[in-house]
Amino acid sequence: MNVESINRKVKNHSPSILGLSDFAKFAVFLPLIQKEDGLHILFEIRSHRLRRQPGEICFPGGRIDKEDKTDQMAAIRETQEELGILREQISDVSPLDYFVSPFGMIIYPHVGFIEDDHLIDPNPDEVAEVFTVPLSFFLNTKPRIHYVNARIEPEADFPFELIAGGEDYNWRTNKIDEYFYIYEDKVIWGLTAKILAHFIEMIR
């Protein structure tokens, strides 16, 4: 391999996230609904039939399929499937900042509006309940932030003899910030709360 070949390949490369193909990719939709008392945000309570995170509060969303041409289209499709609504009821969809999870996931959040919310008919296999919270609540309420410490634990056969410091290697540690909003008897936390906090900061 010569210099020209290397330069040609490097110059034609479009930078991305290292290891992107190994990440599980999900799209999420933050739904805004106009009500008589102002704008509301819609949330789902996940069905207790689900294996992952049953009973937790979230936004509509799910894994991006091969058939989805874009992450935005995936967010819209998932919202239609979970809320039982038509594409025409979803409007003004825009992307928010995407989130790279330390657990091998990339989340692509979007925000938009749902019209005719009285036509919402949630899929009981995925959604136990839907509810809305006035946008004004989040504009006037800061999230509580708590931290979870993340520790590095090498597997038993890790080759310590190949790295400087061996078993005394000074691993970099980290902590994960978990956001919480509490509205009446509802606890909105985790990634849903983090996406929500980002959106609120955007529109302030």
N, C-alpha and C. Protein backbone atom coordinates (compact mmCIF):
# COMPACT_ATOMS: atom_id res chain seq x y z
N MET A 1 0.85 -1.19 0.00
CA MET A 1 0.00 0.00 0.00
C MET A 1 0.89 1.24 0.00
N ASN A 2 0.59 2.17 -0.93
CA ASN A 2 1.44 3.36 -1.06
C ASN A 2 0.77 4.60 -0.48
N VAL A 3 1.51 5.70 -0.50
CA VAL A 3 1.03 6.95 0.08
C VAL A 3 -0.22 7.45 -0.62
N GLU A 4 -0.24 7.38 -1.96
CA GLU A 4 -1.40 7.87 -2.71
C GLU A 4 -2.66 7.10 -2.34
N SER A 5 -2.54 5.79 -2.21
CA SER A 5 -3.69 4.96 -1.85
C SER A 5 -4.23 5.31 -0.47
N ILE A 6 -3.32 5.50 0.47
CA ILE A 6 -3.73 5.86 1.84
C ILE A 6 -4.40 7.23 1.84
N ASN A 7 -3.80 8.21 1.16
CA ASN A 7 -4.37 9.55 1.13
C ASN A 7 -5.75 9.56 0.49
N ARG A 8 -5.92 8.78 -0.58
CA ARG A 8 -7.21 8.73 -1.26
C ARG A 8 -8.30 8.18 -0.33
N LYS A 9 -8.00 7.13 0.41
CA LYS A 9 -8.98 6.53 1.31
C LYS A 9 -9.29 7.44 2.49
N VAL A 10 -8.28 8.11 3.01
CA VAL A 10 -8.49 8.99 4.16
C VAL A 10 -9.30 10.22 3.76
N LYS A 11 -8.97 10.81 2.60
CA LYS A 11 -9.66 12.02 2.17
C LYS A 11 -11.12 11.76 1.82
N ASN A 12 -11.43 10.55 1.38
CA ASN A 12 -12.81 10.23 1.01
C ASN A 12 -13.63 9.71 2.18
N HIS A 13 -13.02 9.67 3.35
CA HIS A 13 -13.72 9.15 4.53
C HIS A 13 -14.55 10.24 5.19
N SER A 14 -15.81 9.93 5.50
CA SER A 14 -16.66 10.86 6.25
C SER A 14 -16.66 10.46 7.72
N PRO A 15 -16.20 11.32 8.62
CA PRO A 15 -16.11 10.96 10.04
C PRO A 15 -17.47 10.60 10.63
N SER A 16 -17.48 9.65 11.52
CA SER A 16 -18.68 9.22 12.20
C SER A 16 -18.28 8.84 13.62
N ILE A 17 -19.16 8.16 14.33
CA ILE A 17 -18.84 7.67 15.68
C ILE A 17 -18.11 6.35 15.55
N LEU A 18 -16.96 6.24 16.18
CA LEU A 18 -16.17 5.01 16.10
C LEU A 18 -16.99 3.83 16.64
N GLY A 19 -17.11 2.78 15.85
CA GLY A 19 -17.89 1.61 16.25
C GLY A 19 -19.38 1.78 16.07
N LEU A 20 -19.80 2.75 15.25
CA LEU A 20 -21.22 3.07 15.08
C LEU A 20 -22.05 1.84 14.70
N SER A 21 -21.50 0.99 13.85
CA SER A 21 -22.28 -0.17 13.37
C SER A 21 -22.60 -1.16 14.48
N ASP A 22 -21.85 -1.08 15.59
CA ASP A 22 -22.07 -2.01 16.70
C ASP A 22 -23.12 -1.52 17.68
N PHE A 23 -23.53 -0.26 17.55
CA PHE A 23 -24.51 0.31 18.48
C PHE A 23 -25.94 -0.10 18.08
N ALA A 24 -26.77 -0.35 19.09
CA ALA A 24 -28.21 -0.49 18.85
C ALA A 24 -28.77 0.92 18.73
N LYS A 25 -29.62 1.14 17.73
CA LYS A 25 -30.10 2.50 17.44
C LYS A 25 -31.61 2.59 17.67
N PHE A 26 -32.01 3.62 18.41
CA PHE A 26 -33.42 3.81 18.75
C PHE A 26 -33.84 5.24 18.41
N ALA A 27 -35.11 5.40 18.06
CA ALA A 27 -35.67 6.72 17.80
C ALA A 27 -36.81 6.98 18.78
N VAL A 28 -36.90 8.22 19.26
CA VAL A 28 -37.88 8.60 20.29
C VAL A 28 -38.60 9.86 19.83
N PHE A 29 -39.87 9.97 20.22
CA PHE A 29 -40.67 11.13 19.84
C PHE A 29 -41.25 11.80 21.08
N LEU A 30 -40.95 13.08 21.24
CA LEU A 30 -41.50 13.89 22.35
C LEU A 30 -42.73 14.60 21.80
N PRO A 31 -43.95 14.14 22.19
CA PRO A 31 -45.17 14.67 21.58
C PRO A 31 -45.72 15.89 22.33
N LEU A 32 -45.96 16.96 21.59
CA LEU A 32 -46.61 18.15 22.12
C LEU A 32 -48.06 18.16 21.67
N ILE A 33 -48.96 18.52 22.58
CA ILE A 33 -50.40 18.55 22.28
C ILE A 33 -50.97 19.87 22.78
N GLN A 34 -51.72 20.55 21.91
CA GLN A 34 -52.37 21.79 22.30
C GLN A 34 -53.69 21.48 22.99
N LYS A 35 -53.84 21.94 24.25
CA LYS A 35 -55.09 21.78 24.98
C LYS A 35 -55.64 23.16 25.33
N GLU A 36 -56.82 23.17 25.94
CA GLU A 36 -57.46 24.45 26.25
C GLU A 36 -56.61 25.30 27.19
N ASP A 37 -55.88 24.66 28.11
CA ASP A 37 -55.08 25.42 29.07
C ASP A 37 -53.64 25.59 28.62
N GLY A 38 -53.35 25.32 27.35
CA GLY A 38 -52.00 25.51 26.84
C GLY A 38 -51.39 24.22 26.31
N LEU A 39 -50.10 24.28 26.01
CA LEU A 39 -49.40 23.11 25.49
C LEU A 39 -49.14 22.08 26.58
N HIS A 40 -49.29 20.81 26.22
CA HIS A 40 -48.97 19.70 27.11
C HIS A 40 -47.97 18.78 26.43
N ILE A 41 -47.27 17.99 27.23
CA ILE A 41 -46.40 16.93 26.72
C ILE A 41 -47.04 15.60 27.06
N LEU A 42 -47.08 14.71 26.07
CA LEU A 42 -47.68 13.40 26.28
C LEU A 42 -46.62 12.36 26.67
N PHE A 43 -46.99 11.51 27.62
CA PHE A 43 -46.12 10.41 28.06
C PHE A 43 -46.88 9.09 28.00
N GLU A 44 -46.13 8.02 27.90
CA GLU A 44 -46.69 6.68 27.97
C GLU A 44 -46.24 6.00 29.25
N ILE A 45 -47.06 5.08 29.75
CA ILE A 45 -46.63 4.13 30.78
C ILE A 45 -46.50 2.78 30.07
N ARG A 46 -45.32 2.23 30.10
CA ARG A 46 -45.07 1.00 29.37
C ARG A 46 -45.91 -0.16 29.91
N SER A 47 -46.37 -0.99 28.98
CA SER A 47 -47.19 -2.13 29.36
C SER A 47 -46.44 -3.06 30.31
N HIS A 48 -47.17 -3.63 31.25
CA HIS A 48 -46.57 -4.58 32.19
C HIS A 48 -46.30 -5.93 31.51
N ARG A 49 -46.73 -6.07 30.26
CA ARG A 49 -46.45 -7.28 29.51
C ARG A 49 -45.04 -7.26 28.91
N LEU A 50 -44.45 -6.08 28.85
CA LEU A 50 -43.13 -5.95 28.23
C LEU A 50 -42.04 -6.52 29.12
N ARG A 51 -41.02 -7.07 28.48
CA ARG A 51 -39.91 -7.67 29.23
C ARG A 51 -38.97 -6.59 29.79
N ARG A 52 -38.73 -5.54 29.00
CA ARG A 52 -37.82 -4.48 29.43
C ARG A 52 -38.60 -3.29 29.99
N GLN A 53 -38.25 -2.88 31.18
CA GLN A 53 -38.78 -1.69 31.84
C GLN A 53 -40.31 -1.62 31.86
N PRO A 54 -40.98 -2.69 32.26
CA PRO A 54 -42.45 -2.64 32.34
C PRO A 54 -42.90 -1.63 33.39
N GLY A 55 -43.96 -0.89 33.08
CA GLY A 55 -44.53 0.05 34.04
C GLY A 55 -43.80 1.37 34.14
N GLU A 56 -42.73 1.57 33.38
CA GLU A 56 -42.00 2.83 33.46
C GLU A 56 -42.59 3.86 32.50
N ILE A 57 -42.34 5.12 32.82
CA ILE A 57 -42.84 6.23 32.00
C ILE A 57 -41.83 6.55 30.91
N CYS A 58 -42.32 6.75 29.70
CA CYS A 58 -41.42 7.01 28.58
C CYS A 58 -42.14 7.82 27.51
N PHE A 59 -41.39 8.17 26.47
CA PHE A 59 -41.97 8.73 25.25
C PHE A 59 -42.18 7.60 24.25
N PRO A 60 -43.06 7.80 23.26
CA PRO A 60 -43.15 6.80 22.19
C PRO A 60 -41.79 6.63 21.51
N GLY A 61 -41.50 5.41 21.09
CA GLY A 61 -40.24 5.19 20.40
C GLY A 61 -39.84 3.73 20.41
N GLY A 62 -38.76 3.44 19.73
CA GLY A 62 -38.28 2.06 19.68
C GLY A 62 -37.10 1.92 18.74
N ARG A 63 -36.72 0.68 18.48
CA ARG A 63 -35.55 0.39 17.67
C ARG A 63 -35.78 0.83 16.22
N ILE A 64 -34.74 1.38 15.61
CA ILE A 64 -34.78 1.75 14.20
C ILE A 64 -34.63 0.49 13.36
N ASP A 65 -35.62 0.23 12.51
CA ASP A 65 -35.60 -0.95 11.65
C ASP A 65 -34.88 -0.67 10.34
N LYS A 66 -34.49 -1.74 9.65
CA LYS A 66 -33.83 -1.59 8.35
C LYS A 66 -34.74 -0.90 7.34
N GLU A 67 -36.06 -1.07 7.51
CA GLU A 67 -37.01 -0.47 6.58
C GLU A 67 -37.17 1.03 6.79
N ASP A 68 -36.72 1.54 7.94
CA ASP A 68 -36.83 2.98 8.22
C ASP A 68 -35.74 3.73 7.45
N LYS A 69 -36.15 4.63 6.58
CA LYS A 69 -35.16 5.35 5.77
C LYS A 69 -34.36 6.34 6.60
N THR A 70 -34.97 6.89 7.64
CA THR A 70 -34.28 7.84 8.53
C THR A 70 -34.70 7.58 9.97
N ASP A 71 -33.93 8.13 10.90
CA ASP A 71 -34.31 7.99 12.31
C ASP A 71 -35.60 8.75 12.59
N GLN A 72 -35.85 9.83 11.87
CA GLN A 72 -37.10 10.57 12.06
C GLN A 72 -38.30 9.73 11.64
N MET A 73 -38.16 9.02 10.53
CA MET A 73 -39.25 8.17 10.08
C MET A 73 -39.50 7.04 11.07
N ALA A 74 -38.44 6.56 11.71
CA ALA A 74 -38.60 5.52 12.73
C ALA A 74 -39.37 6.06 13.92
N ALA A 75 -39.05 7.28 14.34
CA ALA A 75 -39.75 7.89 15.48
C ALA A 75 -41.23 8.07 15.17
N ILE A 76 -41.54 8.49 13.96
CA ILE A 76 -42.94 8.67 13.56
C ILE A 76 -43.66 7.33 13.50
N ARG A 77 -43.01 6.34 12.89
CA ARG A 77 -43.63 5.01 12.78
C ARG A 77 -43.94 4.43 14.15
N GLU A 78 -42.97 4.50 15.07
CA GLU A 78 -43.17 3.96 16.41
C GLU A 78 -44.31 4.68 17.13
N THR A 79 -44.40 5.98 16.93
CA THR A 79 -45.46 6.77 17.56
C THR A 79 -46.83 6.36 17.03
N GLN A 80 -46.91 6.18 15.73
CA GLN A 80 -48.17 5.72 15.13
C GLN A 80 -48.58 4.36 15.70
N GLU A 81 -47.62 3.43 15.75
CA GLU A 81 -47.91 2.07 16.20
C GLU A 81 -48.33 2.04 17.66
N GLU A 82 -47.64 2.81 18.50
CA GLU A 82 -47.91 2.75 19.93
C GLU A 82 -49.16 3.52 20.33
N LEU A 83 -49.43 4.63 19.65
CA LEU A 83 -50.58 5.46 20.02
C LEU A 83 -51.80 5.21 19.13
N GLY A 84 -51.65 4.40 18.10
CA GLY A 84 -52.78 4.09 17.24
C GLY A 84 -53.30 5.29 16.48
N ILE A 85 -52.39 6.13 15.99
CA ILE A 85 -52.81 7.33 15.27
C ILE A 85 -52.31 7.29 13.83
N LEU A 86 -52.82 8.20 13.01
CA LEU A 86 -52.43 8.29 11.61
C LEU A 86 -51.26 9.24 11.45
N ARG A 87 -50.54 9.06 10.35
CA ARG A 87 -49.39 9.94 10.07
C ARG A 87 -49.84 11.39 9.98
N GLU A 88 -51.05 11.62 9.48
CA GLU A 88 -51.55 12.99 9.32
C GLU A 88 -51.74 13.72 10.65
N GLN A 89 -51.79 12.97 11.74
CA GLN A 89 -51.97 13.60 13.05
C GLN A 89 -50.65 14.08 13.66
N ILE A 90 -49.54 13.76 12.99
CA ILE A 90 -48.21 14.14 13.50
C ILE A 90 -47.65 15.22 12.59
N SER A 91 -47.21 16.34 13.17
CA SER A 91 -46.73 17.45 12.35
C SER A 91 -45.52 18.13 12.99
N ASP A 92 -44.83 18.89 12.15
CA ASP A 92 -43.71 19.74 12.59
C ASP A 92 -42.68 18.95 13.41
N VAL A 93 -42.21 17.85 12.87
CA VAL A 93 -41.25 17.00 13.57
C VAL A 93 -39.83 17.52 13.35
N SER A 94 -39.09 17.71 14.44
CA SER A 94 -37.72 18.21 14.36
C SER A 94 -36.81 17.40 15.26
N PRO A 95 -35.54 17.26 14.88
CA PRO A 95 -34.62 16.47 15.71
C PRO A 95 -34.11 17.25 16.91
N LEU A 96 -33.86 16.54 17.99
CA LEU A 96 -33.15 17.07 19.15
C LEU A 96 -31.75 16.47 19.13
N ASP A 97 -30.92 16.80 20.12
CA ASP A 97 -29.58 16.22 20.18
C ASP A 97 -29.67 14.71 20.40
N TYR A 98 -28.86 13.95 19.68
CA TYR A 98 -28.87 12.51 19.91
C TYR A 98 -28.00 12.17 21.11
N PHE A 99 -28.25 11.00 21.67
CA PHE A 99 -27.61 10.60 22.92
C PHE A 99 -26.88 9.28 22.73
N VAL A 100 -25.59 9.26 23.05
CA VAL A 100 -24.80 8.04 22.99
C VAL A 100 -24.72 7.45 24.39
N SER A 101 -25.37 6.31 24.57
CA SER A 101 -25.44 5.67 25.88
C SER A 101 -24.16 4.90 26.17
N PRO A 102 -23.73 4.86 27.44
CA PRO A 102 -22.57 4.03 27.79
C PRO A 102 -22.86 2.54 27.70
N PHE A 103 -24.11 2.20 27.39
CA PHE A 103 -24.51 0.79 27.32
C PHE A 103 -24.73 0.31 25.89
N GLY A 104 -24.03 0.96 24.95
CA GLY A 104 -24.05 0.48 23.58
C GLY A 104 -25.27 0.86 22.77
N MET A 105 -25.90 2.00 23.09
CA MET A 105 -27.08 2.45 22.35
C MET A 105 -26.90 3.89 21.91
N ILE A 106 -27.49 4.23 20.78
CA ILE A 106 -27.61 5.62 20.35
C ILE A 106 -29.10 5.94 20.24
N ILE A 107 -29.51 7.01 20.91
CA ILE A 107 -30.91 7.41 20.92
C ILE A 107 -31.05 8.68 20.09
N TYR A 108 -31.98 8.66 19.13
CA TYR A 108 -32.25 9.82 18.27
C TYR A 108 -33.61 10.41 18.64
N PRO A 109 -33.65 11.42 19.50
CA PRO A 109 -34.94 12.00 19.91
C PRO A 109 -35.44 13.05 18.89
N HIS A 110 -36.75 13.14 18.81
CA HIS A 110 -37.40 14.15 17.97
C HIS A 110 -38.55 14.77 18.76
N VAL A 111 -38.94 15.95 18.34
CA VAL A 111 -40.08 16.62 18.97
C VAL A 111 -41.04 17.03 17.87
N GLY A 112 -42.33 17.01 18.18
CA GLY A 112 -43.33 17.42 17.19
C GLY A 112 -44.69 17.52 17.85
N PHE A 113 -45.69 17.74 17.02
CA PHE A 113 -47.04 17.95 17.53
C PHE A 113 -47.97 16.82 17.12
N ILE A 114 -48.91 16.49 18.00
CA ILE A 114 -49.96 15.53 17.70
C ILE A 114 -51.29 16.27 17.68
N GLU A 115 -52.00 16.14 16.57
CA GLU A 115 -53.32 16.75 16.42
C GLU A 115 -54.40 15.72 16.76
N ASP A 116 -55.56 16.20 17.11
CA ASP A 116 -56.71 15.32 17.39
C ASP A 116 -56.34 14.23 18.40
N ASP A 117 -55.86 14.65 19.56
CA ASP A 117 -55.39 13.68 20.55
C ASP A 117 -56.53 12.80 21.09
N HIS A 118 -57.78 13.22 20.86
CA HIS A 118 -58.91 12.39 21.31
C HIS A 118 -59.02 11.10 20.49
N LEU A 119 -58.29 11.05 19.36
CA LEU A 119 -58.30 9.85 18.52
C LEU A 119 -57.21 8.86 18.93
N ILE A 120 -56.42 9.19 19.93
CA ILE A 120 -55.35 8.29 20.37
C ILE A 120 -55.97 7.00 20.92
N ASP A 121 -55.46 5.87 20.43
CA ASP A 121 -55.95 4.55 20.84
C ASP A 121 -54.74 3.66 21.09
N PRO A 122 -54.14 3.72 22.30
CA PRO A 122 -52.87 3.05 22.57
C PRO A 122 -52.92 1.54 22.34
N ASN A 123 -51.81 1.02 21.84
CA ASN A 123 -51.64 -0.42 21.65
C ASN A 123 -51.41 -1.07 23.01
N PRO A 124 -52.33 -1.88 23.53
CA PRO A 124 -52.20 -2.43 24.89
C PRO A 124 -51.02 -3.38 25.07
N ASP A 125 -50.49 -3.91 23.96
CA ASP A 125 -49.31 -4.77 24.07
C ASP A 125 -48.06 -3.99 24.46
N GLU A 126 -48.08 -2.68 24.17
CA GLU A 126 -46.91 -1.86 24.45
C GLU A 126 -47.17 -0.74 25.45
N VAL A 127 -48.42 -0.29 25.51
CA VAL A 127 -48.73 0.90 26.31
C VAL A 127 -49.87 0.59 27.28
N ALA A 128 -49.60 0.78 28.57
CA ALA A 128 -50.64 0.55 29.59
C ALA A 128 -51.54 1.77 29.74
N GLU A 129 -50.94 2.95 29.53
CA GLU A 129 -51.69 4.19 29.79
C GLU A 129 -50.94 5.35 29.16
N VAL A 130 -51.67 6.40 28.80
CA VAL A 130 -51.05 7.66 28.38
C VAL A 130 -51.56 8.78 29.27
N PHE A 131 -50.75 9.78 29.45
CA PHE A 131 -51.18 10.96 30.22
C PHE A 131 -50.39 12.16 29.71
N THR A 132 -50.86 13.34 30.04
CA THR A 132 -50.16 14.55 29.63
C THR A 132 -49.82 15.41 30.84
N VAL A 133 -48.79 16.22 30.68
CA VAL A 133 -48.37 17.16 31.72
C VAL A 133 -48.22 18.53 31.06
N PRO A 134 -48.73 19.59 31.68
CA PRO A 134 -48.58 20.92 31.07
C PRO A 134 -47.11 21.27 30.86
N LEU A 135 -46.80 21.81 29.71
CA LEU A 135 -45.44 22.25 29.42
C LEU A 135 -44.96 23.25 30.46
N SER A 136 -45.87 24.07 30.95
CA SER A 136 -45.52 25.10 31.94
C SER A 136 -44.92 24.48 33.20
N PHE A 137 -45.35 23.26 33.55
CA PHE A 137 -44.79 22.61 34.75
C PHE A 137 -43.28 22.43 34.59
N PHE A 138 -42.85 21.96 33.43
CA PHE A 138 -41.43 21.72 33.22
C PHE A 138 -40.64 23.01 33.05
N LEU A 139 -41.29 24.03 32.50
CA LEU A 139 -40.62 25.32 32.37
C LEU A 139 -40.36 25.95 33.74
N ASN A 140 -41.20 25.60 34.71
CA ASN A 140 -41.09 26.19 36.05
C ASN A 140 -40.51 25.23 37.10
N THR A 141 -40.12 24.03 36.68
CA THR A 141 -39.63 23.03 37.63
C THR A 141 -38.29 22.47 37.17
N LYS A 142 -37.28 22.62 38.00
CA LYS A 142 -35.98 22.04 37.66
C LYS A 142 -35.98 20.56 38.03
N PRO A 143 -35.31 19.74 37.22
CA PRO A 143 -35.26 18.32 37.58
C PRO A 143 -34.35 18.08 38.77
N ARG A 144 -34.68 17.07 39.55
CA ARG A 144 -33.74 16.60 40.56
C ARG A 144 -32.68 15.77 39.85
N ILE A 145 -31.42 15.89 40.27
CA ILE A 145 -30.36 15.12 39.64
C ILE A 145 -29.65 14.29 40.71
N HIS A 146 -29.59 12.99 40.48
CA HIS A 146 -28.87 12.07 41.35
C HIS A 146 -27.85 11.31 40.51
N TYR A 147 -26.88 10.71 41.16
CA TYR A 147 -25.77 10.10 40.42
C TYR A 147 -25.62 8.62 40.74
N VAL A 148 -25.24 7.88 39.71
CA VAL A 148 -24.94 6.46 39.83
C VAL A 148 -23.48 6.27 39.46
N ASN A 149 -22.70 5.68 40.36
CA ASN A 149 -21.29 5.45 40.08
C ASN A 149 -21.11 4.26 39.15
N ALA A 150 -20.27 4.44 38.12
CA ALA A 150 -19.96 3.36 37.19
C ALA A 150 -18.54 2.87 37.46
N ARG A 151 -18.40 1.57 37.69
CA ARG A 151 -17.10 1.00 38.00
C ARG A 151 -16.62 0.07 36.90
N ILE A 152 -15.31 0.00 36.71
CA ILE A 152 -14.71 -0.90 35.73
C ILE A 152 -14.33 -2.20 36.42
N GLU A 153 -14.82 -3.32 35.89
CA GLU A 153 -14.49 -4.62 36.45
C GLU A 153 -14.01 -5.55 35.33
N PRO A 154 -12.70 -5.64 35.12
CA PRO A 154 -12.18 -6.53 34.08
C PRO A 154 -12.56 -7.99 34.35
N GLU A 155 -12.75 -8.75 33.26
CA GLU A 155 -13.08 -10.16 33.41
C GLU A 155 -11.88 -10.94 33.97
N ALA A 156 -12.15 -12.15 34.46
CA ALA A 156 -11.12 -12.94 35.15
C ALA A 156 -9.89 -13.20 34.29
N ASP A 157 -10.09 -13.35 32.95
CA ASP A 157 -8.96 -13.66 32.08
C ASP A 157 -8.36 -12.43 31.41
N PHE A 158 -8.64 -11.24 31.97
CA PHE A 158 -8.08 -10.01 31.37
C PHE A 158 -6.55 -10.05 31.45
N PRO A 159 -5.84 -9.75 30.35
CA PRO A 159 -4.37 -9.86 30.31
C PRO A 159 -3.66 -8.66 30.96
N PHE A 160 -3.70 -8.60 32.28
CA PHE A 160 -3.06 -7.48 32.98
C PHE A 160 -1.58 -7.38 32.65
N GLU A 161 -0.95 -8.52 32.33
CA GLU A 161 0.49 -8.52 32.06
C GLU A 161 0.85 -7.74 30.79
N LEU A 162 -0.16 -7.43 29.98
CA LEU A 162 0.11 -6.72 28.72
C LEU A 162 -0.02 -5.20 28.85
N ILE A 163 -0.45 -4.70 30.00
CA ILE A 163 -0.64 -3.26 30.14
C ILE A 163 0.25 -2.70 31.25
N ALA A 164 0.65 -1.44 31.07
CA ALA A 164 1.49 -0.78 32.08
C ALA A 164 0.72 -0.66 33.38
N GLY A 165 1.34 -1.07 34.47
CA GLY A 165 0.68 -1.01 35.77
C GLY A 165 0.04 -2.31 36.18
N GLY A 166 -0.18 -3.20 35.21
CA GLY A 166 -0.74 -4.51 35.53
C GLY A 166 -2.06 -4.40 36.29
N GLU A 167 -2.19 -5.21 37.35
CA GLU A 167 -3.43 -5.21 38.12
C GLU A 167 -3.64 -3.91 38.89
N ASP A 168 -2.60 -3.09 38.99
CA ASP A 168 -2.73 -1.79 39.66
C ASP A 168 -3.05 -0.66 38.68
N TYR A 169 -3.41 -1.02 37.46
CA TYR A 169 -3.72 0.01 36.47
C TYR A 169 -4.81 0.94 37.00
N ASN A 170 -4.61 2.23 36.78
CA ASN A 170 -5.53 3.23 37.31
C ASN A 170 -6.65 3.49 36.30
N TRP A 171 -7.73 2.67 36.40
CA TRP A 171 -8.85 2.81 35.48
C TRP A 171 -9.58 4.13 35.73
N ARG A 172 -10.01 4.74 34.64
CA ARG A 172 -10.80 5.96 34.77
C ARG A 172 -12.23 5.58 35.16
N THR A 173 -12.74 6.20 36.20
CA THR A 173 -14.11 5.92 36.65
C THR A 173 -15.03 7.06 36.21
N ASN A 174 -16.30 6.85 36.34
CA ASN A 174 -17.27 7.86 35.90
C ASN A 174 -18.54 7.72 36.72
N LYS A 175 -19.41 8.71 36.63
CA LYS A 175 -20.72 8.61 37.26
C LYS A 175 -21.77 9.07 36.26
N ILE A 176 -22.92 8.43 36.33
CA ILE A 176 -24.01 8.72 35.42
C ILE A 176 -25.02 9.60 36.14
N ASP A 177 -25.38 10.71 35.50
CA ASP A 177 -26.37 11.60 36.12
C ASP A 177 -27.77 11.16 35.71
N GLU A 178 -28.63 10.93 36.69
CA GLU A 178 -30.01 10.52 36.46
C GLU A 178 -30.94 11.67 36.85
N TYR A 179 -31.79 12.06 35.90
CA TYR A 179 -32.71 13.17 36.11
C TYR A 179 -34.07 12.64 36.58
N PHE A 180 -34.73 13.42 37.44
CA PHE A 180 -36.06 13.06 37.95
C PHE A 180 -36.97 14.28 37.92
N TYR A 181 -38.16 14.09 37.35
CA TYR A 181 -39.26 15.04 37.50
C TYR A 181 -40.40 14.31 38.20
N ILE A 182 -41.00 14.93 39.20
CA ILE A 182 -42.13 14.31 39.89
C ILE A 182 -43.35 15.22 39.71
N TYR A 183 -44.35 14.68 39.01
CA TYR A 183 -45.58 15.42 38.74
C TYR A 183 -46.74 14.62 39.32
N GLU A 184 -47.37 15.18 40.35
CA GLU A 184 -48.45 14.48 41.06
C GLU A 184 -47.94 13.10 41.48
N ASP A 185 -48.57 12.02 41.00
CA ASP A 185 -48.11 10.69 41.42
C ASP A 185 -47.21 10.03 40.37
N LYS A 186 -46.77 10.80 39.38
CA LYS A 186 -45.96 10.26 38.29
C LYS A 186 -44.49 10.62 38.48
N VAL A 187 -43.61 9.63 38.30
CA VAL A 187 -42.17 9.87 38.37
C VAL A 187 -41.59 9.68 36.97
N ILE A 188 -41.09 10.76 36.41
CA ILE A 188 -40.47 10.75 35.08
C ILE A 188 -38.97 10.83 35.30
N TRP A 189 -38.25 9.81 34.92
CA TRP A 189 -36.82 9.79 35.26
C TRP A 189 -36.02 9.13 34.14
N GLY A 190 -34.70 9.07 34.35
CA GLY A 190 -33.82 8.39 33.42
C GLY A 190 -33.67 9.13 32.11
N LEU A 191 -33.53 8.36 31.03
CA LEU A 191 -33.31 8.94 29.71
C LEU A 191 -34.47 9.82 29.28
N THR A 192 -35.69 9.43 29.61
CA THR A 192 -36.86 10.25 29.26
C THR A 192 -36.74 11.63 29.88
N ALA A 193 -36.37 11.68 31.15
CA ALA A 193 -36.22 12.96 31.84
C ALA A 193 -35.05 13.76 31.28
N LYS A 194 -33.99 13.06 30.86
CA LYS A 194 -32.82 13.75 30.31
C LYS A 194 -33.15 14.39 28.96
N ILE A 195 -33.87 13.67 28.11
CA ILE A 195 -34.32 14.23 26.83
C ILE A 195 -35.24 15.42 27.07
N LEU A 196 -36.13 15.27 28.03
CA LEU A 196 -37.06 16.34 28.37
C LEU A 196 -36.33 17.59 28.85
N ALA A 197 -35.34 17.41 29.72
CA ALA A 197 -34.57 18.54 30.24
C ALA A 197 -33.83 19.26 29.10
N HIS A 198 -33.29 18.48 28.16
CA HIS A 198 -32.60 19.07 27.00
C HIS A 198 -33.58 19.90 26.18
N PHE A 199 -34.78 19.38 25.94
CA PHE A 199 -35.78 20.11 25.17
C PHE A 199 -36.17 21.41 25.87
N ILE A 200 -36.38 21.33 27.18
CA ILE A 200 -36.77 22.53 27.94
C ILE A 200 -35.68 23.61 27.85
N GLU A 201 -34.44 23.20 27.95
CA GLU A 201 -33.34 24.17 27.85
C GLU A 201 -33.30 24.80 26.45
N MET A 202 -33.63 24.00 25.43
CA MET A 202 -33.65 24.52 24.06
C MET A 202 -34.67 25.63 23.88
N ILE A 203 -35.84 25.48 24.49
CA ILE A 203 -36.93 26.43 24.20
C ILE A 203 -37.00 27.58 25.19
N ARG A 204 -36.17 27.58 26.21
CA ARG A 204 -36.22 28.67 27.17
C ARG A 204 -35.84 29.99 26.50
